[in-house]
């Protein structure tokens, strides 16, 4: 079975504003990623320098794409939009199978 590489691109860091200020303990936006950052997952492994918490959230989508899956609700075959579920500092990622 061939396992494809998957490119992970940071699309957006979402500012939860008042929620973050009200419930967070002096926490700002995610400081681990910048919009436009790119990473490559090889062999369904977490890329070096990637956040382990975000990886736990997007890993199933990376695996699905790496094993030649697609999502019918996404326009481009071999692509997914996934996100870190940190309620105070969510980050949205574009995942693309590299063939």
N, C-alpha and C. Protein backbone atom coordinates (compact mmCIF):
# COMPACT_ATOMS: atom_id res chain seq x y z
N UNK A 1 0.84 -1.17 0.00
CA UNK A 1 0.00 0.00 0.00
C UNK A 1 0.89 1.24 0.00
N UNK A 2 0.62 2.15 -0.92
CA UNK A 2 1.36 3.40 -0.99
C UNK A 2 0.77 4.41 -0.01
N UNK A 3 1.66 5.09 0.69
CA UNK A 3 1.24 6.14 1.61
C UNK A 3 1.78 7.45 1.07
N UNK A 4 0.87 8.35 0.73
CA UNK A 4 1.25 9.65 0.15
C UNK A 4 1.70 10.62 1.23
N UNK A 5 2.49 11.58 0.84
CA UNK A 5 2.82 12.70 1.72
C UNK A 5 1.62 13.64 1.75
N UNK A 6 1.49 14.38 2.82
CA UNK A 6 0.41 15.37 2.94
C UNK A 6 1.01 16.70 3.35
N UNK A 7 0.72 17.72 2.55
CA UNK A 7 1.17 19.08 2.87
C UNK A 7 0.12 19.73 3.77
N UNK A 8 0.60 20.34 4.85
CA UNK A 8 -0.27 21.02 5.81
C UNK A 8 0.06 22.50 5.76
N UNK A 9 -0.94 23.32 5.44
CA UNK A 9 -0.75 24.77 5.36
C UNK A 9 -1.65 25.46 6.37
N UNK A 10 -1.09 26.39 7.13
CA UNK A 10 -1.88 27.17 8.08
C UNK A 10 -2.67 28.21 7.28
N UNK A 11 -4.00 28.07 7.29
CA UNK A 11 -4.86 29.02 6.58
C UNK A 11 -5.21 30.24 7.43
N UNK A 12 -5.58 29.97 8.68
CA UNK A 12 -6.05 31.07 9.51
C UNK A 12 -5.94 30.75 10.99
N UNK A 13 -5.55 31.74 11.74
CA UNK A 13 -5.62 31.69 13.20
C UNK A 13 -6.86 32.49 13.58
N UNK A 14 -7.76 31.89 14.31
CA UNK A 14 -9.03 32.54 14.63
C UNK A 14 -8.93 33.25 15.98
N UNK A 15 -9.25 34.52 15.97
CA UNK A 15 -9.24 35.32 17.20
C UNK A 15 -10.60 35.19 17.87
N UNK A 16 -10.62 34.54 19.02
CA UNK A 16 -11.89 34.37 19.74
C UNK A 16 -12.20 35.56 20.65
N UNK A 17 -11.34 36.56 20.61
CA UNK A 17 -11.58 37.85 21.27
C UNK A 17 -12.08 37.79 22.69
N UNK A 18 -13.34 38.17 22.87
CA UNK A 18 -13.89 38.28 24.22
C UNK A 18 -13.94 36.94 24.95
N UNK A 19 -14.11 35.85 24.23
CA UNK A 19 -14.12 34.53 24.87
C UNK A 19 -12.74 34.26 25.47
N UNK A 20 -11.71 34.48 24.66
CA UNK A 20 -10.34 34.27 25.12
C UNK A 20 -10.01 35.17 26.30
N UNK A 21 -10.42 36.42 26.23
CA UNK A 21 -10.13 37.37 27.31
C UNK A 21 -10.88 37.03 28.58
N UNK A 22 -12.12 36.57 28.44
CA UNK A 22 -12.95 36.26 29.60
C UNK A 22 -12.51 34.97 30.28
N UNK A 23 -12.22 33.93 29.49
CA UNK A 23 -11.93 32.61 30.05
C UNK A 23 -10.46 32.25 30.10
N UNK A 24 -9.66 32.88 29.28
CA UNK A 24 -8.24 32.55 29.23
C UNK A 24 -7.47 33.16 30.38
N UNK A 25 -6.39 32.51 30.74
CA UNK A 25 -5.53 32.98 31.81
C UNK A 25 -4.37 33.77 31.20
N UNK A 26 -4.68 35.00 30.76
CA UNK A 26 -3.69 35.87 30.16
C UNK A 26 -3.04 35.22 28.94
N UNK A 27 -3.87 34.65 28.06
CA UNK A 27 -3.38 33.94 26.88
C UNK A 27 -3.75 34.71 25.61
N UNK A 28 -2.83 34.77 24.67
CA UNK A 28 -3.09 35.43 23.40
C UNK A 28 -3.41 34.39 22.33
N UNK A 29 -3.36 34.81 21.07
CA UNK A 29 -3.56 33.88 19.96
C UNK A 29 -2.46 32.82 19.98
N UNK A 30 -2.66 31.73 19.27
CA UNK A 30 -1.66 30.68 19.15
C UNK A 30 -0.35 31.30 18.64
N UNK A 31 0.73 31.05 19.36
CA UNK A 31 2.01 31.61 18.94
C UNK A 31 2.92 30.58 18.29
N UNK A 32 2.40 29.37 18.06
CA UNK A 32 3.21 28.32 17.43
C UNK A 32 3.15 28.36 15.91
N UNK A 33 2.08 28.95 15.36
CA UNK A 33 1.91 28.97 13.91
C UNK A 33 1.72 30.39 13.41
N UNK A 34 2.12 30.62 12.15
CA UNK A 34 1.81 31.85 11.42
C UNK A 34 1.02 31.45 10.19
N UNK A 35 0.09 32.29 9.79
CA UNK A 35 -0.66 32.01 8.57
C UNK A 35 0.32 31.88 7.42
N UNK A 36 0.15 30.81 6.63
CA UNK A 36 1.04 30.54 5.51
C UNK A 36 2.11 29.51 5.83
N UNK A 37 2.35 29.22 7.11
CA UNK A 37 3.31 28.17 7.46
C UNK A 37 2.94 26.87 6.76
N UNK A 38 3.95 26.11 6.33
CA UNK A 38 3.71 24.82 5.68
C UNK A 38 4.57 23.73 6.31
N UNK A 39 3.98 22.54 6.36
CA UNK A 39 4.63 21.37 6.91
C UNK A 39 4.32 20.19 6.00
N UNK A 40 5.16 19.17 6.01
CA UNK A 40 4.93 17.96 5.23
C UNK A 40 4.88 16.77 6.18
N UNK A 41 3.79 16.01 6.10
CA UNK A 41 3.68 14.76 6.84
C UNK A 41 4.11 13.64 5.91
N UNK A 42 5.11 12.88 6.33
CA UNK A 42 5.60 11.73 5.56
C UNK A 42 5.35 10.46 6.35
N UNK A 43 4.80 9.45 5.68
CA UNK A 43 4.55 8.18 6.36
C UNK A 43 3.55 8.31 7.49
N UNK A 44 2.64 9.23 7.36
CA UNK A 44 1.60 9.50 8.36
C UNK A 44 2.20 9.90 9.71
N UNK A 45 3.33 10.58 9.68
CA UNK A 45 3.99 11.03 10.90
C UNK A 45 3.81 12.52 11.10
N UNK A 46 3.82 12.93 12.36
CA UNK A 46 3.72 14.35 12.68
C UNK A 46 4.98 15.05 12.19
N UNK A 47 4.83 16.13 11.44
CA UNK A 47 6.01 16.86 10.96
C UNK A 47 6.80 17.46 12.12
N UNK A 48 8.10 17.54 11.92
CA UNK A 48 8.97 18.16 12.92
C UNK A 48 8.53 19.60 13.14
N UNK A 49 8.47 20.02 14.39
CA UNK A 49 8.11 21.39 14.72
C UNK A 49 6.62 21.64 14.77
N UNK A 50 5.81 20.61 14.53
CA UNK A 50 4.35 20.77 14.55
C UNK A 50 3.84 20.63 15.97
N UNK A 51 2.77 21.30 16.30
CA UNK A 51 2.17 21.25 17.64
C UNK A 51 1.48 19.89 17.85
N UNK A 52 1.86 19.20 18.92
CA UNK A 52 1.28 17.88 19.21
C UNK A 52 -0.22 17.95 19.47
N UNK A 53 -0.68 19.03 20.08
CA UNK A 53 -2.12 19.18 20.34
C UNK A 53 -2.89 19.34 19.03
N UNK A 54 -2.38 20.16 18.13
CA UNK A 54 -3.03 20.33 16.83
C UNK A 54 -2.97 19.03 16.03
N UNK A 55 -1.84 18.32 16.10
CA UNK A 55 -1.70 17.06 15.39
C UNK A 55 -2.77 16.06 15.84
N UNK A 56 -3.03 16.01 17.14
CA UNK A 56 -4.05 15.09 17.67
C UNK A 56 -5.41 15.38 17.03
N UNK A 57 -5.67 16.63 16.71
CA UNK A 57 -6.96 17.01 16.11
C UNK A 57 -7.04 16.72 14.62
N UNK A 58 -5.94 16.89 13.88
CA UNK A 58 -6.01 16.76 12.42
C UNK A 58 -5.48 15.43 11.89
N UNK A 59 -4.90 14.62 12.75
CA UNK A 59 -4.23 13.39 12.30
C UNK A 59 -5.15 12.48 11.50
N UNK A 60 -6.39 12.31 11.91
CA UNK A 60 -7.29 11.39 11.18
C UNK A 60 -7.51 11.86 9.74
N UNK A 61 -7.58 13.17 9.53
CA UNK A 61 -7.74 13.69 8.17
C UNK A 61 -6.47 13.50 7.36
N UNK A 62 -5.30 13.67 7.98
CA UNK A 62 -4.02 13.44 7.31
C UNK A 62 -3.94 11.98 6.88
N UNK A 63 -4.28 11.06 7.78
CA UNK A 63 -4.23 9.63 7.46
C UNK A 63 -5.18 9.31 6.32
N UNK A 64 -6.39 9.85 6.37
CA UNK A 64 -7.38 9.59 5.32
C UNK A 64 -6.85 10.01 3.95
N UNK A 65 -6.26 11.20 3.87
CA UNK A 65 -5.71 11.68 2.60
C UNK A 65 -4.49 10.87 2.18
N UNK A 66 -3.61 10.54 3.13
CA UNK A 66 -2.39 9.79 2.82
C UNK A 66 -2.70 8.41 2.26
N UNK A 67 -3.84 7.86 2.66
CA UNK A 67 -4.25 6.54 2.17
C UNK A 67 -5.20 6.63 0.99
N UNK A 68 -5.12 7.76 0.27
CA UNK A 68 -5.85 8.01 -0.98
C UNK A 68 -7.33 8.33 -0.80
N UNK A 69 -7.73 8.74 0.38
CA UNK A 69 -9.12 9.13 0.60
C UNK A 69 -9.37 10.56 0.15
N UNK A 70 -10.63 10.87 0.00
CA UNK A 70 -11.08 12.24 -0.31
C UNK A 70 -12.38 12.48 0.43
N UNK A 71 -12.79 13.72 0.46
CA UNK A 71 -14.05 14.10 1.09
C UNK A 71 -14.97 14.67 0.02
N UNK A 72 -16.19 14.14 -0.13
CA UNK A 72 -17.07 14.60 -1.20
C UNK A 72 -17.54 16.05 -1.05
N UNK A 73 -17.46 16.61 0.14
CA UNK A 73 -17.90 17.99 0.35
C UNK A 73 -16.79 19.01 0.12
N UNK A 74 -15.60 18.53 -0.23
CA UNK A 74 -14.48 19.43 -0.55
C UNK A 74 -14.30 19.45 -2.06
N UNK A 75 -14.21 20.63 -2.66
CA UNK A 75 -14.13 20.77 -4.12
C UNK A 75 -12.96 20.03 -4.73
N UNK A 76 -11.77 20.19 -4.14
CA UNK A 76 -10.57 19.59 -4.72
C UNK A 76 -10.33 18.20 -4.15
N UNK A 77 -10.22 17.21 -5.02
CA UNK A 77 -9.93 15.84 -4.60
C UNK A 77 -8.57 15.80 -3.89
N UNK A 78 -8.49 15.02 -2.80
CA UNK A 78 -7.24 14.90 -2.07
C UNK A 78 -6.93 16.07 -1.17
N UNK A 79 -7.96 16.86 -0.84
CA UNK A 79 -7.80 18.04 0.00
C UNK A 79 -8.78 17.98 1.15
N UNK A 80 -8.39 18.54 2.29
CA UNK A 80 -9.28 18.65 3.44
C UNK A 80 -9.00 19.95 4.16
N UNK A 81 -10.00 20.45 4.84
CA UNK A 81 -9.85 21.59 5.74
C UNK A 81 -10.11 21.05 7.13
N UNK A 82 -9.15 21.25 8.01
CA UNK A 82 -9.24 20.69 9.35
C UNK A 82 -8.77 21.74 10.34
N UNK A 83 -9.02 21.53 11.62
CA UNK A 83 -8.58 22.57 12.56
C UNK A 83 -8.24 22.02 13.93
N UNK A 84 -7.38 22.77 14.59
CA UNK A 84 -7.06 22.54 15.99
C UNK A 84 -8.28 22.99 16.78
N UNK A 85 -8.68 22.20 17.74
CA UNK A 85 -9.92 22.50 18.47
C UNK A 85 -9.69 23.25 19.77
N UNK A 86 -8.56 23.93 19.90
CA UNK A 86 -8.34 24.76 21.08
C UNK A 86 -9.41 25.84 21.07
N UNK A 87 -10.31 25.80 22.02
CA UNK A 87 -11.45 26.72 22.05
C UNK A 87 -11.07 28.17 22.21
N UNK A 88 -9.90 28.45 22.76
CA UNK A 88 -9.46 29.83 22.93
C UNK A 88 -8.59 30.31 21.78
N UNK A 89 -7.87 29.37 21.11
CA UNK A 89 -6.91 29.76 20.07
C UNK A 89 -6.94 28.79 18.90
N UNK A 90 -8.09 28.62 18.23
CA UNK A 90 -8.16 27.66 17.13
C UNK A 90 -7.35 28.09 15.91
N UNK A 91 -6.86 27.07 15.18
CA UNK A 91 -6.09 27.30 13.96
C UNK A 91 -6.67 26.40 12.88
N UNK A 92 -6.90 26.96 11.68
CA UNK A 92 -7.46 26.22 10.55
C UNK A 92 -6.34 25.84 9.58
N UNK A 93 -6.35 24.58 9.16
CA UNK A 93 -5.32 24.05 8.26
C UNK A 93 -5.93 23.53 6.95
N UNK A 94 -5.19 23.73 5.86
CA UNK A 94 -5.52 23.08 4.59
C UNK A 94 -4.57 21.89 4.45
N UNK A 95 -5.15 20.72 4.19
CA UNK A 95 -4.37 19.50 4.01
C UNK A 95 -4.47 19.08 2.56
N UNK A 96 -3.34 18.78 1.93
CA UNK A 96 -3.33 18.39 0.52
C UNK A 96 -2.45 17.17 0.32
N UNK A 97 -3.02 16.15 -0.30
CA UNK A 97 -2.23 14.97 -0.64
C UNK A 97 -1.24 15.36 -1.73
N UNK A 98 0.00 14.95 -1.55
CA UNK A 98 1.04 15.18 -2.56
C UNK A 98 1.23 13.87 -3.30
N UNK A 99 0.91 13.88 -4.57
CA UNK A 99 0.97 12.63 -5.36
C UNK A 99 2.20 12.57 -6.20
